Amino acid sequence: MTRPRGVDLFDVDRLRLVEEPPFRLSPEDRRAMDAAWAAAVHANPTLFDGPVAGCTAVEREEPRVLVLNWVRATYRYYVLRRVPGAGVRLPSLFVAVAQPSTDGRLLVGRMAPWTTSPGRWQLPGGSVEPPPEGELLDQDVLRRHAARELAEETGIDLPDDRLTLWQVTRGENGSVGVLFRAPPRPAPWLYERFGILTSAERALGREPELDRIVLAGAATDLTGRQVPYLAPVLDRHGRSGPPGP
């Protein structure tokens, strides 16, 4: 297959995360960021300026060990990537879960119309939130966050220690994703859990973040937009085979 331009995949056994000091924006960058954020919120009022951990660097420390440098920020910092001439361009740091079915396909979700990326296919997951000041962000924290995202988006609730660190993706804009792999489950059970979750959410008057899930063996199984990392990850999963139970 042809890998999307600018998408890197790293096979990893261990991560080391290093916190860096917060960014110091120039007055010009601060004004540009605030104006761009205000415009983005006007276009999509569901946006909120919550805390996030941005990834500033990725380095190989050992053959299968990566060092991720990260910084505390908020969502509005990400809009600087769309501001021409901005002195700061903060890549995002996110986690995602590769949930296989027992027949070897991966669960992929489509973002709901009200989200920031309506109609886009991706693995269950989300942006990493920084821990409280003075606490460490490490591989175990990322794993717990990934398990929580999987439960909130698909209804698949499992202990975080059942997730195995699998690979790290880096996109053309520098955004970094830490991917964990879950034990395989029967396809009917996966669809049933998602159906139970979405029914419960709508009964409470809330719209789920994913409006649909499918089990995909390749990017060509999907119609519509996809996150850039999805095609190479599906290909890597297909070539490596599903994990054991």
C-alpha atoms as a PDB file:
ATOM      1  CA  MET A   1       0.000   0.000   0.000  1.00  0.00           C
ATOM      2  CA  THR A   2       1.003   3.663  -0.284  1.00  0.00           C
ATOM      3  CA  ARG A   3       1.436   5.339   3.077  1.00  0.00           C
ATOM      4  CA  PRO A   4      -0.152   8.796   3.338  1.00  0.00           C
ATOM      5  CA  ARG A   5       2.460  11.510   2.964  1.00  0.00           C
ATOM      6  CA  GLY A   6       4.062  12.489   6.262  1.00  0.00           C
ATOM      7  CA  VAL A   7       2.689   9.644   8.402  1.00  0.00           C
ATOM      8  CA  ASP A   8       5.324   7.854  10.503  1.00  0.00           C
ATOM      9  CA  LEU A   9       4.762   4.664  12.500  1.00  0.00           C
ATOM     10  CA  PHE A  10       7.015   3.583  15.359  1.00  0.00           C
ATOM     11  CA  ASP A  11       6.902   0.115  16.897  1.00  0.00           C
ATOM     12  CA  VAL A  12       7.516   0.572  20.622  1.00  0.00           C
ATOM     13  CA  ASP A  13       7.780  -1.437  23.829  1.00  0.00           C
ATOM     14  CA  ARG A  14       8.173   1.466  26.216  1.00  0.00           C
ATOM     15  CA  LEU A  15       7.645   5.233  26.411  1.00  0.00           C
ATOM     16  CA  ARG A  16       9.386   7.852  28.480  1.00  0.00           C
ATOM     17  CA  LEU A  17       7.567  11.180  28.793  1.00  0.00           C
ATOM     18  CA  VAL A  18       9.423  14.377  29.679  1.00  0.00           C
ATOM     19  CA  GLU A  19       7.577  17.562  30.663  1.00  0.00           C
ATOM     20  CA  GLU A  20       8.858  20.860  29.313  1.00  0.00           C
ATOM     21  CA  PRO A  21       8.144  24.405  30.579  1.00  0.00           C
ATOM     22  CA  PRO A  22       4.972  26.071  29.235  1.00  0.00           C
ATOM     23  CA  PHE A  23       5.210  28.103  26.041  1.00  0.00           C
ATOM     24  CA  ARG A  24       5.865  31.835  26.249  1.00  0.00           C
ATOM     25  CA  LEU A  25       3.876  33.460  23.461  1.00  0.00           C
ATOM     26  CA  SER A  26       4.754  36.786  21.961  1.00  0.00           C
ATOM     27  CA  PRO A  27       2.029  39.452  22.226  1.00  0.00           C
ATOM     28  CA  GLU A  28       1.449  39.086  18.473  1.00  0.00           C
ATOM     29  CA  ASP A  29       1.017  35.309  18.683  1.00  0.00           C
ATOM     30  CA  ARG A  30      -1.281  35.677  21.710  1.00  0.00           C
ATOM     31  CA  ARG A  31      -3.553  38.122  19.863  1.00  0.00           C
ATOM     32  CA  ALA A  32      -3.559  35.946  16.735  1.00  0.00           C
ATOM     33  CA  MET A  33      -4.362  32.844  18.779  1.00  0.00           C
ATOM     34  CA  ASP A  34      -7.209  34.480  20.674  1.00  0.00           C
ATOM     35  CA  ALA A  35      -8.722  35.879  17.470  1.00  0.00           C
ATOM     36  CA  ALA A  36      -8.475  32.527  15.676  1.00  0.00           C
ATOM     37  CA  TRP A  37      -9.982  30.726  18.670  1.00  0.00           C
ATOM     38  CA  ALA A  38     -12.883  33.173  18.872  1.00  0.00           C
ATOM     39  CA  ALA A  39     -13.596  32.592  15.172  1.00  0.00           C
ATOM     40  CA  ALA A  40     -13.444  28.816  15.652  1.00  0.00           C
ATOM     41  CA  VAL A  41     -15.873  28.938  18.598  1.00  0.00           C
ATOM     42  CA  HIS A  42     -18.230  31.149  16.621  1.00  0.00           C
ATOM     43  CA  ALA A  43     -18.238  28.539  13.841  1.00  0.00           C
ATOM     44  CA  ASN A  44     -18.602  25.638  16.305  1.00  0.00           C
ATOM     45  CA  PRO A  45     -19.992  26.617  19.748  1.00  0.00           C
ATOM     46  CA  THR A  46     -19.323  23.093  21.102  1.00  0.00           C
ATOM     47  CA  LEU A  47     -15.581  23.861  21.291  1.00  0.00           C
ATOM     48  CA  PHE A  48     -14.154  24.316  24.773  1.00  0.00           C
ATOM     49  CA  ASP A  49     -10.748  25.519  25.883  1.00  0.00           C
ATOM     50  CA  GLY A  50      -9.874  22.671  28.242  1.00  0.00           C
ATOM     51  CA  PRO A  51      -6.386  21.569  29.290  1.00  0.00           C
ATOM     52  CA  VAL A  52      -4.346  19.415  26.911  1.00  0.00           C
ATOM     53  CA  ALA A  53      -0.855  17.971  26.706  1.00  0.00           C
ATOM     54  CA  GLY A  54       0.889  18.939  23.498  1.00  0.00           C
ATOM     55  CA  CYS A  55       3.818  16.943  22.108  1.00  0.00           C
ATOM     56  CA  THR A  56       6.884  19.018  21.239  1.00  0.00           C
ATOM     57  CA  ALA A  57       9.390  16.309  20.267  1.00  0.00           C
ATOM     58  CA  VAL A  58       9.746  12.582  19.575  1.00  0.00           C
ATOM     59  CA  GLU A  59      13.140  10.916  19.909  1.00  0.00           C
ATOM     60  CA  ARG A  60      14.302   7.309  19.685  1.00  0.00           C
ATOM     61  CA  GLU A  61      16.187   6.473  22.905  1.00  0.00           C
ATOM     62  CA  GLU A  62      16.641   2.749  22.285  1.00  0.00           C
ATOM     63  CA  PRO A  63      15.541   0.521  19.370  1.00  0.00           C
ATOM     64  CA  ARG A  64      12.017   0.136  20.801  1.00  0.00           C
ATOM     65  CA  VAL A  65      11.920   2.983  23.344  1.00  0.00           C
ATOM     66  CA  LEU A  66      10.626   6.460  22.486  1.00  0.00           C
ATOM     67  CA  VAL A  67      10.961   9.695  24.434  1.00  0.00           C
ATOM     68  CA  LEU A  68       7.989  12.065  24.093  1.00  0.00           C
ATOM     69  CA  ASN A  69       8.528  15.664  25.190  1.00  0.00           C
ATOM     70  CA  TRP A  70       5.284  17.326  26.198  1.00  0.00           C
ATOM     71  CA  VAL A  71       3.983  20.659  27.455  1.00  0.00           C
ATOM     72  CA  ARG A  72       0.865  21.855  29.293  1.00  0.00           C
ATOM     73  CA  ALA A  73      -1.455  23.931  27.146  1.00  0.00           C
ATOM     74  CA  THR A  74      -5.129  24.343  26.241  1.00  0.00           C
ATOM     75  CA  TYR A  75      -7.053  23.588  23.075  1.00  0.00           C
ATOM     76  CA  ARG A  76      -6.792  27.134  21.765  1.00  0.00           C
ATOM     77  CA  TYR A  77      -3.047  26.663  21.239  1.00  0.00           C
ATOM     78  CA  TYR A  78      -3.814  24.224  18.426  1.00  0.00           C
ATOM     79  CA  VAL A  79      -5.390  26.951  16.264  1.00  0.00           C
ATOM     80  CA  LEU A  80      -1.960  28.558  15.897  1.00  0.00           C
ATOM     81  CA  ARG A  81      -1.176  25.813  13.377  1.00  0.00           C
ATOM     82  CA  ARG A  82      -3.605  27.582  11.046  1.00  0.00           C
ATOM     83  CA  VAL A  83      -2.226  31.097  11.621  1.00  0.00           C
ATOM     84  CA  PRO A  84       0.310  32.092   8.927  1.00  0.00           C
ATOM     85  CA  GLY A  85       3.596  33.215  10.417  1.00  0.00           C
ATOM     86  CA  ALA A  86       2.826  32.116  13.972  1.00  0.00           C
ATOM     87  CA  GLY A  87       5.949  31.505  16.046  1.00  0.00           C
ATOM     88  CA  VAL A  88       4.409  28.521  17.886  1.00  0.00           C
ATOM     89  CA  ARG A  89       2.840  25.475  16.271  1.00  0.00           C
ATOM     90  CA  LEU A  90       1.900  22.960  18.935  1.00  0.00           C
ATOM     91  CA  PRO A  91       1.392  19.357  17.788  1.00  0.00           C
ATOM     92  CA  SER A  92      -1.269  17.430  19.679  1.00  0.00           C
ATOM     93  CA  LEU A  93      -0.745  14.315  21.787  1.00  0.00           C
ATOM     94  CA  PHE A  94      -3.541  11.742  21.716  1.00  0.00           C
ATOM     95  CA  VAL A  95      -4.237   8.141  22.633  1.00  0.00           C
ATOM     96  CA  ALA A  96      -6.213   5.593  20.646  1.00  0.00           C
ATOM     97  CA  VAL A  97      -7.187   1.950  20.967  1.00  0.00           C
ATOM     98  CA  ALA A  98      -6.951  -0.728  18.296  1.00  0.00           C
ATOM     99  CA  GLN A  99      -9.864  -3.010  19.227  1.00  0.00           C
ATOM    100  CA  PRO A 100      -9.781  -6.156  17.075  1.00  0.00           C
ATOM    101  CA  SER A 101     -12.621  -8.533  16.428  1.00  0.00           C
ATOM    102  CA  THR A 102     -11.900 -12.244  16.616  1.00  0.00           C
ATOM    103  CA  ASP A 103     -11.928 -12.421  12.814  1.00  0.00           C
ATOM    104  CA  GLY A 104      -9.008  -9.968  12.609  1.00  0.00           C
ATOM    105  CA  ARG A 105     -10.714  -6.675  11.698  1.00  0.00           C
ATOM    106  CA  LEU A 106     -10.375  -3.443  13.691  1.00  0.00           C
ATOM    107  CA  LEU A 107     -13.171  -1.375  15.201  1.00  0.00           C
ATOM    108  CA  VAL A 108     -13.307   2.081  13.601  1.00  0.00           C
ATOM    109  CA  GLY A 109     -15.686   4.877  14.594  1.00  0.00           C
ATOM    110  CA  ARG A 110     -17.188   7.775  12.638  1.00  0.00           C
ATOM    111  CA  MET A 111     -17.268  11.159  14.372  1.00  0.00           C
ATOM    112  CA  ALA A 112     -20.754  12.539  14.932  1.00  0.00           C
ATOM    113  CA  PRO A 113     -22.004  15.662  13.094  1.00  0.00           C
ATOM    114  CA  TRP A 114     -21.721  17.891  16.191  1.00  0.00           C
ATOM    115  CA  THR A 115     -18.013  17.177  16.762  1.00  0.00           C
ATOM    116  CA  THR A 116     -15.006  19.117  15.482  1.00  0.00           C
ATOM    117  CA  SER A 117     -14.412  16.534  12.741  1.00  0.00           C
ATOM    118  CA  PRO A 118     -17.866  15.417  11.570  1.00  0.00           C
ATOM    119  CA  GLY A 119     -17.929  12.281   9.452  1.00  0.00           C
ATOM    120  CA  ARG A 120     -14.260  11.431   9.980  1.00  0.00           C
ATOM    121  CA  TRP A 121     -13.273   7.810  10.609  1.00  0.00           C
ATOM    122  CA  GLN A 122     -10.746   7.072  13.344  1.00  0.00           C
ATOM    123  CA  LEU A 123      -9.867   4.654  16.118  1.00  0.00           C
ATOM    124  CA  PRO A 124     -11.578   5.264  19.488  1.00  0.00           C
ATOM    125  CA  GLY A 125      -9.499   7.717  21.494  1.00  0.00           C
ATOM    126  CA  GLY A 126      -8.909  11.352  22.283  1.00  0.00           C
ATOM    127  CA  SER A 127      -6.526  14.139  23.255  1.00  0.00           C
ATOM    128  CA  VAL A 128      -4.384  13.609  26.335  1.00  0.00           C
ATOM    129  CA  GLU A 129      -5.172  15.754  29.367  1.00  0.00           C
ATOM    130  CA  PRO A 130      -2.219  16.734  31.557  1.00  0.00           C
ATOM    131  CA  PRO A 131      -2.139  15.428  35.144  1.00  0.00           C
ATOM    132  CA  PRO A 132      -2.391  17.840  38.094  1.00  0.00           C
ATOM    133  CA  GLU A 133       0.663  20.031  38.681  1.00  0.00           C
ATOM    134  CA  GLY A 134       3.450  18.066  40.299  1.00  0.00           C
ATOM    135  CA  GLU A 135       2.233  14.677  39.036  1.00  0.00           C
ATOM    136  CA  LEU A 136       3.875  12.665  36.286  1.00  0.00           C
ATOM    137  CA  LEU A 137       2.481  11.889  32.869  1.00  0.00           C
ATOM    138  CA  ASP A 138       3.720   8.407  32.028  1.00  0.00           C
ATOM    139  CA  GLN A 139       2.856   5.313  30.037  1.00  0.00           C
ATOM    140  CA  ASP A 140       0.463   4.001  32.700  1.00  0.00           C
ATOM    141  CA  VAL A 141      -1.455   7.286  32.755  1.00  0.00           C
ATOM    142  CA  LEU A 142      -1.778   7.155  28.964  1.00  0.00           C
ATOM    143  CA  ARG A 143      -3.027   3.563  29.166  1.00  0.00           C
ATOM    144  CA  ARG A 144      -5.712   4.498  31.712  1.00  0.00           C
ATOM    145  CA  HIS A 145      -6.766   7.420  29.544  1.00  0.00           C
ATOM    146  CA  ALA A 146      -7.022   5.162  26.496  1.00  0.00           C
ATOM    147  CA  ALA A 147      -9.190   2.655  28.395  1.00  0.00           C
ATOM    148  CA  ARG A 148     -11.497   5.473  29.507  1.00  0.00           C
ATOM    149  CA  GLU A 149     -11.839   6.804  25.959  1.00  0.00           C
ATOM    150  CA  LEU A 150     -12.656   3.318  24.669  1.00  0.00           C
ATOM    151  CA  ALA A 151     -15.423   2.905  27.262  1.00  0.00           C
ATOM    152  CA  GLU A 152     -16.867   6.391  26.733  1.00  0.00           C
ATOM    153  CA  GLU A 153     -16.963   6.138  22.924  1.00  0.00           C
ATOM    154  CA  THR A 154     -17.833   2.474  22.336  1.00  0.00           C
ATOM    155  CA  GLY A 155     -19.191   1.027  25.600  1.00  0.00           C
ATOM    156  CA  ILE A 156     -16.313  -1.463  25.756  1.00  0.00           C
ATOM    157  CA  ASP A 157     -15.236  -1.357  29.390  1.00  0.00           C
ATOM    158  CA  LEU A 158     -12.121  -3.314  30.301  1.00  0.00           C
ATOM    159  CA  PRO A 159      -9.317  -3.013  32.863  1.00  0.00           C
ATOM    160  CA  ASP A 160      -6.580  -0.747  31.581  1.00  0.00           C
ATOM    161  CA  ASP A 161      -3.960  -3.446  32.193  1.00  0.00           C
ATOM    162  CA  ARG A 162      -5.549  -5.433  29.348  1.00  0.00           C
ATOM    163  CA  LEU A 163      -4.319  -2.794  26.914  1.00  0.00           C
ATOM    164  CA  THR A 164      -0.889  -3.363  25.360  1.00  0.00           C
ATOM    165  CA  LEU A 165       1.304  -0.569  24.037  1.00  0.00           C
ATOM    166  CA  TRP A 166       1.487  -1.166  20.290  1.00  0.00           C
ATOM    167  CA  GLN A 167       2.818   1.729  18.245  1.00  0.00           C
ATOM    168  CA  VAL A 168       3.184   5.491  18.009  1.00  0.00           C
ATOM    169  CA  THR A 169       2.054   7.528  15.020  1.00  0.00           C
ATOM    170  CA  ARG A 170       3.295  10.945  13.935  1.00  0.00           C
ATOM    171  CA  GLY A 171       1.385  12.955  11.363  1.00  0.00           C
ATOM    172  CA  GLU A 172       2.566  15.509   8.846  1.00  0.00           C
ATOM    173  CA  ASN A 173       1.647  18.336  11.238  1.00  0.00           C
ATOM    174  CA  GLY A 174       3.699  16.684  14.010  1.00  0.00           C
ATOM    175  CA  SER A 175       0.744  15.416  16.035  1.00  0.00           C
ATOM    176  CA  VAL A 176       1.593  12.244  17.933  1.00  0.00           C
ATOM    177  CA  GLY A 177      -0.717   9.344  18.732  1.00  0.00           C
ATOM    178  CA  VAL A 178       0.010   6.589  21.247  1.00  0.00           C
ATOM    179  CA  LEU A 179      -1.851   3.443  20.187  1.00  0.00           C
ATOM    180  CA  PHE A 180      -2.745   0.581  22.504  1.00  0.00           C
ATOM    181  CA  ARG A 181      -4.146  -2.752  21.418  1.00  0.00           C
ATOM    182  CA  ALA A 182      -7.030  -4.508  23.184  1.00  0.00           C
ATOM    183  CA  PRO A 183      -7.794  -8.246  23.314  1.00  0.00           C
ATOM    184  CA  PRO A 184      -9.941  -9.495  20.402  1.00  0.00           C
ATOM    185  CA  ARG A 185     -13.694  -9.781  20.945  1.00  0.00           C
ATOM    186  CA  PRO A 186     -16.494 -11.343  18.869  1.00  0.00           C
ATOM    187  CA  ALA A 187     -17.963  -8.933  16.335  1.00  0.00           C
ATOM    188  CA  PRO A 188     -21.586  -9.286  17.598  1.00  0.00           C
ATOM    189  CA  TRP A 189     -20.463  -8.431  21.131  1.00  0.00           C
ATOM    190  CA  LEU A 190     -18.651  -5.282  19.951  1.00  0.00           C
ATOM    191  CA  TYR A 191     -21.717  -4.043  18.077  1.00  0.00           C
ATOM    192  CA  GLU A 192     -23.939  -4.903  21.039  1.00  0.00           C
ATOM    193  CA  ARG A 193     -21.823  -2.871  23.472  1.00  0.00           C
ATOM    194  CA  PHE A 194     -21.914   0.131  21.139  1.00  0.00           C
ATOM    195  CA  GLY A 195     -25.686  -0.179  20.742  1.00  0.00           C
ATOM    196  CA  ILE A 196     -26.204  -0.275  24.512  1.00  0.00           C
ATOM    197  CA  LEU A 197     -24.008   2.801  24.981  1.00  0.00           C
ATOM    198  CA  THR A 198     -25.653   4.911  22.278  1.00  0.00           C
ATOM    199  CA  SER A 199     -29.171   4.002  23.443  1.00  0.00           C
ATOM    200  CA  ALA A 200     -28.296   5.006  27.005  1.00  0.00           C
ATOM    201  CA  GLU A 201     -26.728   8.291  25.861  1.00  0.00           C
ATOM    202  CA  ARG A 202     -29.739   9.279  23.779  1.00  0.00           C
ATOM    203  CA  ALA A 203     -32.122   8.336  26.599  1.00  0.00           C
ATOM    204  CA  LEU A 204     -30.297  10.985  28.660  1.00  0.00           C
ATOM    205  CA  GLY A 205     -30.658  13.564  25.884  1.00  0.00           C
ATOM    206  CA  ARG A 206     -27.029  13.348  24.778  1.00  0.00           C
ATOM    207  CA  GLU A 207     -25.690  12.622  21.312  1.00  0.00           C
ATOM    208  CA  PRO A 208     -22.806  10.085  21.234  1.00  0.00           C
ATOM    209  CA  GLU A 209     -19.419  11.238  20.015  1.00  0.00           C
ATOM    210  CA  LEU A 210     -19.341   8.413  17.458  1.00  0.00           C
ATOM    211  CA  ASP A 211     -22.461   8.033  15.355  1.00  0.00           C
ATOM    212  CA  ARG A 212     -21.402   4.721  13.818  1.00  0.00           C
ATOM    213  CA  ILE A 213     -18.841   1.960  14.168  1.00  0.00           C
ATOM    214  CA  VAL A 214     -17.687  -0.613  11.624  1.00  0.00           C
ATOM    215  CA  LEU A 215     -15.165  -3.429  11.642  1.00  0.00           C
ATOM    216  CA  ALA A 216     -12.622  -2.709   8.936  1.00  0.00           C
ATOM    217  CA  GLY A 217      -9.850  -4.789   7.446  1.00  0.00           C
ATOM    218  CA  ALA A 218      -8.487  -2.014   5.234  1.00  0.00           C
ATOM    219  CA  ALA A 219      -8.988   1.699   4.600  1.00  0.00           C
ATOM    220  CA  THR A 220     -10.837   0.839   1.395  1.00  0.00           C
ATOM    221  CA  ASP A 221     -13.632  -0.663   3.522  1.00  0.00           C
ATOM    222  CA  LEU A 222     -14.572   2.868   4.608  1.00  0.00           C
ATOM    223  CA  THR A 223     -16.399   5.622   2.734  1.00  0.00           C
ATOM    224  CA  GLY A 224     -15.631   9.208   3.671  1.00  0.00           C
ATOM    225  CA  ARG A 225     -12.806  11.098   5.353  1.00  0.00           C
ATOM    226  CA  GLN A 226     -10.280   9.319   7.557  1.00  0.00           C
ATOM    227  CA  VAL A 227      -7.546  10.443   9.922  1.00  0.00           C
ATOM    228  CA  PRO A 228      -4.221  10.145   8.065  1.00  0.00           C
ATOM    229  CA  TYR A 229      -2.836   7.461  10.377  1.00  0.00           C
ATOM    230  CA  LEU A 230      -5.753   5.070   9.875  1.00  0.00           C
ATOM    231  CA  ALA A 231      -4.739   3.482   6.549  1.00  0.00           C
ATOM    232  CA  PRO A 232      -1.172   2.562   7.595  1.00  0.00           C
ATOM    233  CA  VAL A 233      -2.384   1.342  11.000  1.00  0.00           C
ATOM    234  CA  LEU A 234      -4.988  -0.923   9.404  1.00  0.00           C
ATOM    235  CA  ASP A 235      -2.315  -2.220   7.065  1.00  0.00           C
ATOM    236  CA  ARG A 236       0.127  -2.826   9.936  1.00  0.00           C
ATOM    237  CA  HIS A 237      -2.552  -4.652  11.923  1.00  0.00           C
ATOM    238  CA  GLY A 238      -3.412  -6.833   8.948  1.00  0.00           C
ATOM    239  CA  ARG A 239       0.201  -7.814   8.413  1.00  0.00           C
ATOM    240  CA  SER A 240       0.955  -8.453  12.103  1.00  0.00           C
ATOM    241  CA  GLY A 241      -2.241 -10.383  12.814  1.00  0.00           C
ATOM    242  CA  PRO A 242      -4.529  -9.961  15.822  1.00  0.00           C
ATOM    243  CA  PRO A 243      -3.124 -10.360  19.335  1.00  0.00           C
ATOM    244  CA  GLY A 244      -3.870 -13.408  21.437  1.00  0.00           C
ATOM    245  CA  PRO A 245      -6.812 -13.388  23.863  1.00  0.00           C
END
